[in-house]
Amino acid sequence: MKKKKESKSRERRIDNVIAALKKDKLCVFAIIYLAVLIIVSLIAPLLPLDPTTTDVSNMQGGISAAHWFGTDELGRDYFARVIYGGRVSLLVGILAMLASASIGIAVGTIAGYCGGLVDAVLMRLVDVLSSIPWLILVTVVSLFMKRGIRSIILVIGLFTWMGTARLTRAETLSLKEREYIQYAKFMGVPMWNIILFHIIPSAFPTIIIVATTSIADAIMTESSLSFLGLGIVQPASSWGSLLQKSQSYLQSSIHMAVIPGVLIILTVFSFNKLGNLLRIYVEPRVSDGEQN
């Protein structure tokens, strides 16, 4: 009987997602776009693309059959630069999300489960960090760290976990009152086992949704830092650094700014759409009409 109920619930969730996809074609576009972006980023090293080779005889070259997006100020193929820049942006987004989610989940579950003084101290820390504009906080910290991918991931991960902590705490406060959690506590199961094997798995659907939107936020943060000159170091590139470099050539080669800018917007938009779709699957009561 229990398996039948779970099967019916899963089928209803899938039906909700299919209905949402049928009604919102932008969700379909977002999924296809992300799939293509991830596949191209993964197979980029296997493609005949070289983002570092320079051609001084073809600097600032226009769009052609040989160079689909033209060439940059050093004669490097801009299409290759964009593809490899996408790899860096996605890598930063995913790894920063993992770092941010890990901290947020740890803080949220401990605060919610322990309550009392522990909860008060941890939540006041969250309040203090949340009160500081994230871009200012991340920018100031970045000034004191060596520029590079590792530093960007570390900075974003350390200072963007507060929202995850709040949501995880709220889930934990609800879950710890459930009968199976109370029974585990009564049986003397250690706190860490309860958190790791009962609370976190039960809160996982919410965590997945938050993680999806966190990737979009991390990509936007990295792009902002690279645009300000505090991000990726040459010869590596990200969409943000390409956008920053293109400022000097807006009059002669405006496409150099438009292409990475559009890709950043589409990627952030697509991850947010994916988060909405996951929310519909996780929460059957959420209809596709409630999507943002």
Protein backbone atom coordinates (compact mmCIF):
# COMPACT_ATOMS: atom_id res chain seq x y z
CA MET A 1 0.00 0.00 0.00
CA LYS A 2 2.80 2.40 0.92
CA LYS A 3 4.62 1.68 -2.34
CA LYS A 4 1.42 2.34 -4.32
CA LYS A 5 0.98 5.70 -2.58
CA GLU A 6 4.60 6.64 -3.30
CA SER A 7 4.18 5.59 -6.92
CA LYS A 8 1.00 7.65 -7.32
CA SER A 9 2.67 10.65 -5.66
CA ARG A 10 5.65 10.36 -8.02
CA GLU A 11 3.36 10.11 -11.03
CA ARG A 12 1.43 13.18 -9.89
CA ARG A 13 4.65 15.13 -9.48
CA ILE A 14 5.81 14.14 -12.96
CA ASP A 15 2.41 15.10 -14.39
CA ASN A 16 2.73 18.51 -12.75
CA VAL A 17 6.16 19.00 -14.30
CA ILE A 18 4.93 17.92 -17.75
CA ALA A 19 1.96 20.29 -17.47
CA ALA A 20 4.31 23.12 -16.49
CA LEU A 21 6.57 22.38 -19.47
CA LYS A 22 3.61 22.37 -21.84
CA LYS A 23 2.36 25.70 -20.55
CA ASP A 24 5.70 27.45 -20.17
CA LYS A 25 7.82 27.00 -23.29
CA LEU A 26 10.58 29.06 -21.72
CA CYS A 27 11.16 26.18 -19.27
CA VAL A 28 11.70 23.84 -22.23
CA PHE A 29 14.12 26.33 -23.75
CA ALA A 30 15.96 26.65 -20.41
CA ILE A 31 16.42 22.88 -20.08
CA ILE A 32 17.60 22.48 -23.67
CA TYR A 33 19.93 25.47 -23.34
CA LEU A 34 21.51 24.17 -20.12
CA ALA A 35 21.90 20.68 -21.59
CA VAL A 36 23.66 22.05 -24.69
CA LEU A 37 25.81 24.39 -22.59
CA ILE A 38 26.94 21.64 -20.22
CA ILE A 39 27.63 19.15 -23.04
CA VAL A 40 29.64 21.69 -25.05
CA SER A 41 31.59 22.69 -21.94
CA LEU A 42 32.43 19.06 -21.18
CA ILE A 43 33.56 18.15 -24.70
CA ALA A 44 35.35 21.45 -25.41
CA PRO A 45 38.85 19.90 -24.97
CA LEU A 46 37.94 17.35 -27.66
CA LEU A 47 36.95 20.04 -30.15
CA PRO A 48 39.45 21.71 -32.51
CA LEU A 49 39.37 24.92 -30.48
CA ASP A 50 42.36 26.81 -29.15
CA PRO A 51 41.55 29.87 -27.00
CA THR A 52 45.20 30.89 -26.53
CA THR A 53 46.72 30.90 -30.05
CA THR A 54 47.28 34.46 -31.25
CA ASP A 55 47.26 35.78 -34.81
CA VAL A 56 48.64 39.33 -34.96
CA SER A 57 47.69 39.60 -38.62
CA ASN A 58 44.01 39.12 -37.78
CA MET A 59 43.46 41.18 -34.63
CA GLN A 60 39.91 42.40 -34.09
CA GLY A 61 38.81 40.32 -37.04
CA GLY A 62 35.14 40.23 -37.93
CA ILE A 63 32.79 37.27 -37.97
CA SER A 64 33.76 34.76 -40.67
CA ALA A 65 33.58 31.08 -41.55
CA ALA A 66 36.96 30.52 -39.89
CA HIS A 67 36.10 32.57 -36.81
CA TRP A 68 32.38 32.35 -36.00
CA PHE A 69 32.56 35.12 -33.40
CA GLY A 70 35.53 36.94 -34.93
CA THR A 71 38.84 37.44 -33.11
CA ASP A 72 39.83 39.50 -30.07
CA GLU A 73 42.46 42.21 -29.60
CA LEU A 74 45.28 39.62 -29.80
CA GLY A 75 43.85 37.71 -32.75
CA ARG A 76 42.56 34.81 -30.63
CA ASP A 77 39.47 33.00 -31.82
CA TYR A 78 36.61 34.57 -29.88
CA PHE A 79 34.32 31.56 -30.27
CA ALA A 80 36.92 29.40 -28.51
CA ARG A 81 37.34 32.06 -25.82
CA VAL A 82 33.59 32.10 -25.22
CA ILE A 83 33.34 28.29 -25.02
CA TYR A 84 36.25 28.00 -22.59
CA GLY A 85 34.96 31.04 -20.69
CA GLY A 86 31.68 29.16 -20.26
CA ARG A 87 33.59 26.22 -18.80
CA VAL A 88 35.17 28.49 -16.20
CA SER A 89 31.89 30.23 -15.36
CA LEU A 90 30.07 26.91 -14.92
CA LEU A 91 32.95 25.46 -12.88
CA VAL A 92 32.94 28.46 -10.57
CA GLY A 93 29.15 28.36 -10.30
CA ILE A 94 28.97 24.66 -9.42
CA LEU A 95 31.94 24.53 -7.03
CA ALA A 96 30.97 27.78 -5.30
CA MET A 97 27.44 26.40 -4.91
CA LEU A 98 28.81 23.21 -3.32
CA ALA A 99 30.92 25.24 -0.89
CA SER A 100 28.07 27.62 -0.07
CA ALA A 101 25.53 24.81 0.29
CA SER A 102 27.82 22.80 2.56
CA ILE A 103 28.29 25.71 4.95
CA GLY A 104 24.63 26.72 4.82
CA ILE A 105 23.37 23.19 5.42
CA ALA A 106 25.77 22.67 8.33
CA VAL A 107 24.86 25.96 10.01
CA GLY A 108 21.13 25.60 9.34
CA THR A 109 20.78 22.03 10.59
CA ILE A 110 22.87 22.59 13.72
CA ALA A 111 21.00 25.80 14.58
CA GLY A 112 17.59 24.26 13.98
CA TYR A 113 18.30 20.99 15.75
CA CYS A 114 20.12 22.35 18.80
CA GLY A 115 17.99 25.46 19.31
CA GLY A 116 18.54 27.69 22.34
CA LEU A 117 21.83 29.56 22.62
CA VAL A 118 23.42 27.74 19.67
CA ASP A 119 20.53 28.73 17.43
CA ALA A 120 20.60 32.34 18.66
CA VAL A 121 24.35 32.76 18.10
CA LEU A 122 24.38 31.17 14.65
CA MET A 123 21.32 33.10 13.45
CA ARG A 124 22.73 36.40 14.69
CA LEU A 125 25.86 35.63 12.67
CA VAL A 126 23.63 35.01 9.65
CA ASP A 127 21.80 38.29 10.30
CA VAL A 128 25.04 40.26 10.51
CA LEU A 129 26.44 38.81 7.28
CA SER A 130 23.09 39.19 5.52
CA SER A 131 22.91 42.87 6.47
CA ILE A 132 26.07 43.63 4.47
CA PRO A 133 25.47 44.00 0.72
CA TRP A 134 26.90 40.81 -0.77
CA LEU A 135 28.68 42.49 -3.66
CA ILE A 136 30.48 44.93 -1.38
CA LEU A 137 31.44 42.15 1.04
CA VAL A 138 32.74 39.84 -1.68
CA THR A 139 34.55 42.66 -3.49
CA VAL A 140 36.36 43.86 -0.36
CA VAL A 141 37.47 40.34 0.56
CA SER A 142 38.61 39.70 -3.02
CA LEU A 143 40.97 42.67 -2.80
CA PHE A 144 43.01 40.88 -0.12
CA MET A 145 43.23 37.53 -1.91
CA LYS A 146 45.28 36.34 -4.85
CA ARG A 147 43.25 36.53 -8.03
CA GLY A 148 42.26 33.25 -9.62
CA ILE A 149 39.59 30.58 -9.86
CA ARG A 150 40.30 29.11 -6.41
CA SER A 151 40.02 32.48 -4.71
CA ILE A 152 36.78 33.29 -6.52
CA ILE A 153 35.22 29.96 -5.52
CA LEU A 154 36.39 30.38 -1.92
CA VAL A 155 35.11 33.95 -1.60
CA ILE A 156 31.71 33.20 -3.13
CA GLY A 157 31.31 30.03 -1.11
CA LEU A 158 32.22 31.69 2.20
CA PHE A 159 29.91 34.68 1.87
CA THR A 160 26.78 33.47 0.06
CA TRP A 161 25.56 30.65 2.31
CA MET A 162 23.21 32.65 4.55
CA GLY A 163 20.04 32.07 2.52
CA THR A 164 20.68 28.32 2.45
CA ALA A 165 21.22 28.35 6.23
CA ARG A 166 17.88 30.08 6.84
CA LEU A 167 15.90 27.66 4.68
CA THR A 168 17.68 24.60 6.08
CA ARG A 169 17.04 25.79 9.64
CA ALA A 170 13.34 26.24 8.88
CA GLU A 171 13.16 22.71 7.45
CA THR A 172 15.06 21.32 10.44
CA LEU A 173 12.72 22.99 12.93
CA SER A 174 9.81 21.25 11.23
CA LEU A 175 11.52 17.89 10.74
CA LYS A 176 12.85 17.50 14.28
CA GLU A 177 9.28 17.37 15.59
CA ARG A 178 8.41 14.39 13.38
CA GLU A 179 7.75 11.07 15.10
CA TYR A 180 10.67 9.19 13.54
CA ILE A 181 13.10 11.90 14.66
CA GLN A 182 11.66 11.87 18.17
CA TYR A 183 11.88 8.08 18.24
CA ALA A 184 15.53 8.18 17.11
CA LYS A 185 16.33 10.66 19.90
CA PHE A 186 14.49 8.46 22.40
CA MET A 187 16.54 5.46 21.29
CA GLY A 188 19.75 7.39 21.94
CA VAL A 189 20.85 7.85 18.34
CA PRO A 190 23.69 10.42 18.28
CA MET A 191 22.84 13.92 17.11
CA TRP A 192 25.18 13.77 14.12
CA ASN A 193 23.62 10.52 12.90
CA ILE A 194 20.15 12.04 13.14
CA ILE A 195 21.27 15.11 11.22
CA LEU A 196 23.18 13.20 8.54
CA PHE A 197 20.86 10.25 7.99
CA HIS A 198 17.41 11.64 8.81
CA ILE A 199 17.15 15.43 8.68
CA ILE A 200 19.38 16.25 5.70
CA PRO A 201 17.89 13.50 3.45
CA SER A 202 14.38 14.68 4.35
CA ALA A 203 15.31 18.29 3.58
CA PHE A 204 17.15 17.32 0.39
CA PRO A 205 14.37 18.41 -2.05
CA THR A 206 14.48 21.94 -0.65
CA ILE A 207 18.27 21.89 -0.66
CA ILE A 208 18.32 20.89 -4.35
CA ILE A 209 16.09 23.83 -5.28
CA VAL A 210 18.26 26.28 -3.32
CA ALA A 211 21.41 24.79 -4.86
CA THR A 212 20.08 25.30 -8.39
CA THR A 213 19.43 28.98 -7.83
CA SER A 214 22.76 29.28 -6.00
CA ILE A 215 24.58 28.26 -9.19
CA ALA A 216 22.95 31.16 -11.01
CA ASP A 217 23.88 33.54 -8.18
CA ALA A 218 27.49 32.30 -8.17
CA ILE A 219 27.83 32.76 -11.93
CA MET A 220 26.47 36.29 -11.64
CA THR A 221 28.82 37.06 -8.73
CA GLU A 222 31.84 35.72 -10.59
CA SER A 223 30.87 37.71 -13.68
CA SER A 224 30.54 40.86 -11.58
CA LEU A 225 33.94 40.37 -9.94
CA SER A 226 35.63 39.59 -13.27
CA PHE A 227 33.96 42.63 -14.81
CA LEU A 228 35.46 44.74 -12.00
CA GLY A 229 38.89 43.22 -12.66
CA LEU A 230 38.93 41.14 -9.46
CA GLY A 231 38.18 37.75 -10.96
CA ILE A 232 39.79 35.41 -13.47
CA VAL A 233 43.40 36.05 -14.46
CA GLN A 234 44.59 35.96 -18.08
CA PRO A 235 45.16 33.88 -20.17
CA ALA A 236 42.17 32.07 -18.64
CA SER A 237 38.82 33.69 -19.29
CA SER A 238 35.27 33.67 -18.06
CA TRP A 239 32.23 35.39 -19.48
CA GLY A 240 32.68 38.15 -16.94
CA SER A 241 36.33 38.76 -17.87
CA LEU A 242 35.45 38.72 -21.58
CA LEU A 243 32.79 41.32 -20.89
CA GLN A 244 35.31 43.43 -18.97
CA LYS A 245 37.90 43.23 -21.77
CA SER A 246 35.36 44.14 -24.44
CA GLN A 247 34.72 47.59 -22.92
CA SER A 248 37.61 49.05 -24.89
CA TYR A 249 36.22 47.84 -28.21
CA LEU A 250 32.52 48.67 -27.99
CA GLN A 251 32.60 50.99 -30.99
CA SER A 252 34.50 48.68 -33.32
CA SER A 253 33.42 45.22 -32.07
CA ILE A 254 30.25 45.50 -30.03
CA HIS A 255 29.56 41.77 -30.48
CA MET A 256 32.47 41.04 -28.13
CA ALA A 257 30.38 42.50 -25.31
CA VAL A 258 26.98 41.33 -26.50
CA ILE A 259 27.83 37.62 -26.80
CA PRO A 260 29.16 36.96 -23.24
CA GLY A 261 26.54 39.33 -21.81
CA VAL A 262 23.69 37.46 -23.47
CA LEU A 263 25.14 34.09 -22.40
CA ILE A 264 25.35 35.24 -18.77
CA ILE A 265 21.73 36.40 -18.87
CA LEU A 266 20.50 33.19 -20.53
CA THR A 267 22.42 30.96 -18.11
CA VAL A 268 21.19 32.73 -14.99
CA PHE A 269 17.65 32.79 -16.38
CA SER A 270 17.80 29.07 -17.26
CA PHE A 271 19.04 27.99 -13.83
CA ASN A 272 16.28 30.02 -12.19
CA LYS A 273 13.71 28.37 -14.47
CA LEU A 274 15.14 24.97 -13.58
CA GLY A 275 14.78 25.84 -9.91
CA ASN A 276 11.10 26.72 -10.45
CA LEU A 277 10.57 23.43 -12.24
CA LEU A 278 12.18 21.47 -9.41
CA ARG A 279 9.98 23.37 -6.97
CA ILE A 280 6.89 22.18 -8.83
CA TYR A 281 8.15 18.58 -8.65
CA VAL A 282 9.04 18.77 -4.97
CA GLU A 283 5.88 20.60 -3.91
CA PRO A 284 2.89 19.11 -5.78
CA ARG A 285 0.63 21.89 -4.49
CA VAL A 286 2.69 24.46 -6.38
CA SER A 287 1.03 24.92 -9.75
CA ASP A 288 2.79 26.06 -12.90
CA GLY A 289 0.78 29.25 -12.72
CA GLU A 290 2.77 30.27 -9.62
CA GLN A 291 6.10 30.31 -11.40
CA ASN A 292 8.04 33.53 -11.50
